[in-house]
């Protein structure tokens, strides 16, 4: 493997603390898979956070991200374990969820970056918070 034939790497905010990465498949015959990297500084990545095989779609969801700025890149590796250089870098900022919200009725909802936070109060004034992802075209 002498070059990286990955297309453009893109990302989608998938939910609280989640980023979905999508890229074009590599077309080399000896391709074995991809490695996904995350860093908190541009161009500086730690160990691979995930691996994707060639028989699956070239996509990976990074989970467990806390609020902050993140940078992502992908590499391809062949059947001999030789790894390419990094793809283009994409970045995003994971925001902290809203705080200090008050429920003034028995139930409330808040749309926050494609996620709906639902809150319901019980008779003893405690609150139960749940969230669900909104899919494209989903009714609210």
C-alpha atoms as a PDB file:
ATOM      1  CA  UNK A   1       0.000   0.000   0.000  1.00  0.00           C
ATOM      2  CA  UNK A   2       1.755   3.104  -1.155  1.00  0.00           C
ATOM      3  CA  UNK A   3      -0.995   5.704  -1.146  1.00  0.00           C
ATOM      4  CA  UNK A   4      -4.259   6.434   0.568  1.00  0.00           C
ATOM      5  CA  UNK A   5      -7.195   6.310  -1.809  1.00  0.00           C
ATOM      6  CA  UNK A   6      -9.752   7.503   0.726  1.00  0.00           C
ATOM      7  CA  UNK A   7     -12.204  10.105  -0.410  1.00  0.00           C
ATOM      8  CA  UNK A   8     -13.273  13.005   1.710  1.00  0.00           C
ATOM      9  CA  UNK A   9     -13.903  12.265   5.360  1.00  0.00           C
ATOM     10  CA  UNK A  10     -17.072  13.866   6.731  1.00  0.00           C
ATOM     11  CA  UNK A  11     -18.835  13.877  10.067  1.00  0.00           C
ATOM     12  CA  UNK A  12     -22.362  14.075  11.423  1.00  0.00           C
ATOM     13  CA  UNK A  13     -23.300  14.844  15.018  1.00  0.00           C
ATOM     14  CA  UNK A  14     -25.167  11.666  15.922  1.00  0.00           C
ATOM     15  CA  UNK A  15     -26.308  12.427  19.465  1.00  0.00           C
ATOM     16  CA  UNK A  16     -25.000  13.634  22.813  1.00  0.00           C
ATOM     17  CA  UNK A  17     -21.277  12.873  22.825  1.00  0.00           C
ATOM     18  CA  UNK A  18     -21.452  10.992  19.510  1.00  0.00           C
ATOM     19  CA  UNK A  19     -19.946  11.751  16.109  1.00  0.00           C
ATOM     20  CA  UNK A  20     -20.531   9.622  13.014  1.00  0.00           C
ATOM     21  CA  UNK A  21     -17.676   9.611  10.485  1.00  0.00           C
ATOM     22  CA  UNK A  22     -18.283   8.731   6.826  1.00  0.00           C
ATOM     23  CA  UNK A  23     -15.724   8.362   4.028  1.00  0.00           C
ATOM     24  CA  UNK A  24     -15.379   6.952   0.523  1.00  0.00           C
ATOM     25  CA  UNK A  25     -14.159   3.362   0.309  1.00  0.00           C
ATOM     26  CA  UNK A  26     -10.574   2.620  -0.676  1.00  0.00           C
ATOM     27  CA  UNK A  27     -10.358   0.583  -3.919  1.00  0.00           C
ATOM     28  CA  UNK A  28      -7.009  -1.204  -3.467  1.00  0.00           C
ATOM     29  CA  UNK A  29      -7.114  -4.989  -3.904  1.00  0.00           C
ATOM     30  CA  UNK A  30      -5.098  -5.711  -0.748  1.00  0.00           C
ATOM     31  CA  UNK A  31      -7.164  -3.444   1.515  1.00  0.00           C
ATOM     32  CA  UNK A  32      -7.867  -5.051   4.877  1.00  0.00           C
ATOM     33  CA  UNK A  33      -9.676  -2.251   6.706  1.00  0.00           C
ATOM     34  CA  UNK A  34      -9.608   1.199   8.225  1.00  0.00           C
ATOM     35  CA  UNK A  35      -8.550   2.715  11.540  1.00  0.00           C
ATOM     36  CA  UNK A  36     -10.285   5.717  13.085  1.00  0.00           C
ATOM     37  CA  UNK A  37      -8.336   8.299  15.081  1.00  0.00           C
ATOM     38  CA  UNK A  38      -9.434  11.088  17.421  1.00  0.00           C
ATOM     39  CA  UNK A  39      -7.411  13.896  18.964  1.00  0.00           C
ATOM     40  CA  UNK A  40      -7.975  17.083  20.897  1.00  0.00           C
ATOM     41  CA  UNK A  41      -5.316  18.975  18.923  1.00  0.00           C
ATOM     42  CA  UNK A  42      -5.173  19.310  15.154  1.00  0.00           C
ATOM     43  CA  UNK A  43      -2.932  16.665  13.571  1.00  0.00           C
ATOM     44  CA  UNK A  44      -2.204  14.967  16.912  1.00  0.00           C
ATOM     45  CA  UNK A  45      -4.002  11.659  17.461  1.00  0.00           C
ATOM     46  CA  UNK A  46      -3.757   8.980  20.097  1.00  0.00           C
ATOM     47  CA  UNK A  47      -4.224   5.277  19.540  1.00  0.00           C
ATOM     48  CA  UNK A  48      -6.893   4.172  17.093  1.00  0.00           C
ATOM     49  CA  UNK A  49     -10.363   4.324  18.667  1.00  0.00           C
ATOM     50  CA  UNK A  50     -11.930   1.915  16.197  1.00  0.00           C
ATOM     51  CA  UNK A  51     -11.403  -0.386  13.272  1.00  0.00           C
ATOM     52  CA  UNK A  52     -13.720  -0.942  10.305  1.00  0.00           C
ATOM     53  CA  UNK A  53     -13.470  -3.986   8.042  1.00  0.00           C
ATOM     54  CA  UNK A  54     -13.756  -3.833   4.269  1.00  0.00           C
ATOM     55  CA  UNK A  55     -17.021  -5.772   4.220  1.00  0.00           C
ATOM     56  CA  UNK A  56     -18.842  -3.055   6.158  1.00  0.00           C
ATOM     57  CA  UNK A  57     -19.804   0.438   5.079  1.00  0.00           C
ATOM     58  CA  UNK A  58     -16.994   2.999   5.450  1.00  0.00           C
ATOM     59  CA  UNK A  59     -18.540   4.632   8.504  1.00  0.00           C
ATOM     60  CA  UNK A  60     -17.860   4.645  12.228  1.00  0.00           C
ATOM     61  CA  UNK A  61     -19.577   6.249  15.228  1.00  0.00           C
ATOM     62  CA  UNK A  62     -17.296   7.582  17.946  1.00  0.00           C
ATOM     63  CA  UNK A  63     -19.111   7.579  21.297  1.00  0.00           C
ATOM     64  CA  UNK A  64     -18.413   8.774  24.810  1.00  0.00           C
ATOM     65  CA  UNK A  65     -17.113  12.214  23.828  1.00  0.00           C
ATOM     66  CA  UNK A  66     -17.256  14.839  26.566  1.00  0.00           C
ATOM     67  CA  UNK A  67     -17.701  18.538  25.773  1.00  0.00           C
ATOM     68  CA  UNK A  68     -14.685  19.956  23.935  1.00  0.00           C
ATOM     69  CA  UNK A  69     -13.049  20.290  20.506  1.00  0.00           C
ATOM     70  CA  UNK A  70     -12.181  17.055  18.629  1.00  0.00           C
ATOM     71  CA  UNK A  71     -10.257  16.270  15.446  1.00  0.00           C
ATOM     72  CA  UNK A  72     -10.791  13.072  13.422  1.00  0.00           C
ATOM     73  CA  UNK A  73      -8.883  11.206  10.718  1.00  0.00           C
ATOM     74  CA  UNK A  74      -8.962   7.741   9.155  1.00  0.00           C
ATOM     75  CA  UNK A  75      -6.224   5.508   7.759  1.00  0.00           C
ATOM     76  CA  UNK A  76      -6.401   2.429   5.561  1.00  0.00           C
ATOM     77  CA  UNK A  77      -4.319  -0.696   6.171  1.00  0.00           C
ATOM     78  CA  UNK A  78      -3.579  -3.663   3.942  1.00  0.00           C
ATOM     79  CA  UNK A  79      -3.389  -7.424   4.456  1.00  0.00           C
ATOM     80  CA  UNK A  80       0.275  -7.125   5.516  1.00  0.00           C
ATOM     81  CA  UNK A  81      -0.681  -4.600   8.223  1.00  0.00           C
ATOM     82  CA  UNK A  82       0.938  -1.646   6.444  1.00  0.00           C
ATOM     83  CA  UNK A  83      -0.960   1.513   7.313  1.00  0.00           C
ATOM     84  CA  UNK A  84      -1.441   4.547   5.090  1.00  0.00           C
ATOM     85  CA  UNK A  85      -1.085   8.158   6.120  1.00  0.00           C
ATOM     86  CA  UNK A  86      -4.030  10.013   7.607  1.00  0.00           C
ATOM     87  CA  UNK A  87      -7.017  11.117   5.555  1.00  0.00           C
ATOM     88  CA  UNK A  88      -8.098  14.736   5.539  1.00  0.00           C
ATOM     89  CA  UNK A  89      -8.939  15.948   9.019  1.00  0.00           C
ATOM     90  CA  UNK A  90     -12.421  16.943  10.149  1.00  0.00           C
ATOM     91  CA  UNK A  91     -13.291  18.545  13.459  1.00  0.00           C
ATOM     92  CA  UNK A  92     -16.220  19.471  15.628  1.00  0.00           C
ATOM     93  CA  UNK A  93     -16.975  20.865  19.039  1.00  0.00           C
ATOM     94  CA  UNK A  94     -19.125  18.812  21.382  1.00  0.00           C
ATOM     95  CA  UNK A  95     -21.222  21.217  23.404  1.00  0.00           C
ATOM     96  CA  UNK A  96     -22.298  20.689  26.980  1.00  0.00           C
ATOM     97  CA  UNK A  97     -26.000  19.965  27.370  1.00  0.00           C
ATOM     98  CA  UNK A  98     -28.156  22.842  28.514  1.00  0.00           C
ATOM     99  CA  UNK A  99     -28.321  23.349  32.267  1.00  0.00           C
ATOM    100  CA  UNK A 100     -30.565  25.245  34.616  1.00  0.00           C
ATOM    101  CA  UNK A 101     -33.754  24.398  32.734  1.00  0.00           C
ATOM    102  CA  UNK A 102     -36.984  24.528  34.655  1.00  0.00           C
ATOM    103  CA  UNK A 103     -40.084  22.549  33.841  1.00  0.00           C
ATOM    104  CA  UNK A 104     -43.133  24.724  34.304  1.00  0.00           C
ATOM    105  CA  UNK A 105     -45.717  22.174  33.229  1.00  0.00           C
ATOM    106  CA  UNK A 106     -46.134  18.462  33.717  1.00  0.00           C
ATOM    107  CA  UNK A 107     -43.969  17.714  30.669  1.00  0.00           C
ATOM    108  CA  UNK A 108     -41.605  19.595  28.391  1.00  0.00           C
ATOM    109  CA  UNK A 109     -39.335  18.925  25.458  1.00  0.00           C
ATOM    110  CA  UNK A 110     -36.241  20.638  24.128  1.00  0.00           C
ATOM    111  CA  UNK A 111     -34.646  20.092  20.734  1.00  0.00           C
ATOM    112  CA  UNK A 112     -30.865  20.236  21.047  1.00  0.00           C
ATOM    113  CA  UNK A 113     -28.628  19.398  18.039  1.00  0.00           C
ATOM    114  CA  UNK A 114     -30.878  16.722  16.584  1.00  0.00           C
ATOM    115  CA  UNK A 115     -31.734  15.269  19.980  1.00  0.00           C
ATOM    116  CA  UNK A 116     -34.970  15.758  21.843  1.00  0.00           C
ATOM    117  CA  UNK A 117     -34.727  15.966  25.610  1.00  0.00           C
ATOM    118  CA  UNK A 118     -37.977  14.957  27.269  1.00  0.00           C
ATOM    119  CA  UNK A 119     -38.728  15.791  30.873  1.00  0.00           C
ATOM    120  CA  UNK A 120     -41.700  14.703  32.941  1.00  0.00           C
ATOM    121  CA  UNK A 121     -42.365  15.638  36.535  1.00  0.00           C
ATOM    122  CA  UNK A 122     -43.899  13.300  39.049  1.00  0.00           C
ATOM    123  CA  UNK A 123     -46.201  14.272  41.887  1.00  0.00           C
ATOM    124  CA  UNK A 124     -43.265  14.673  44.273  1.00  0.00           C
ATOM    125  CA  UNK A 125     -41.614  17.218  41.874  1.00  0.00           C
ATOM    126  CA  UNK A 126     -38.730  15.021  40.773  1.00  0.00           C
ATOM    127  CA  UNK A 127     -37.943  14.931  37.061  1.00  0.00           C
ATOM    128  CA  UNK A 128     -37.180  12.087  34.698  1.00  0.00           C
ATOM    129  CA  UNK A 129     -35.056  13.053  31.698  1.00  0.00           C
ATOM    130  CA  UNK A 130     -34.924  10.961  28.535  1.00  0.00           C
ATOM    131  CA  UNK A 131     -33.624  11.659  25.078  1.00  0.00           C
ATOM    132  CA  UNK A 132     -34.174  10.267  21.620  1.00  0.00           C
ATOM    133  CA  UNK A 133     -32.469  10.939  18.320  1.00  0.00           C
ATOM    134  CA  UNK A 134     -34.450  12.639  15.603  1.00  0.00           C
ATOM    135  CA  UNK A 135     -34.196  10.916  12.274  1.00  0.00           C
ATOM    136  CA  UNK A 136     -34.468  12.912   9.049  1.00  0.00           C
ATOM    137  CA  UNK A 137     -38.106  13.688   8.417  1.00  0.00           C
ATOM    138  CA  UNK A 138     -39.230  12.506  11.872  1.00  0.00           C
ATOM    139  CA  UNK A 139     -42.252  14.220  13.350  1.00  0.00           C
ATOM    140  CA  UNK A 140     -41.697  16.069  16.587  1.00  0.00           C
END
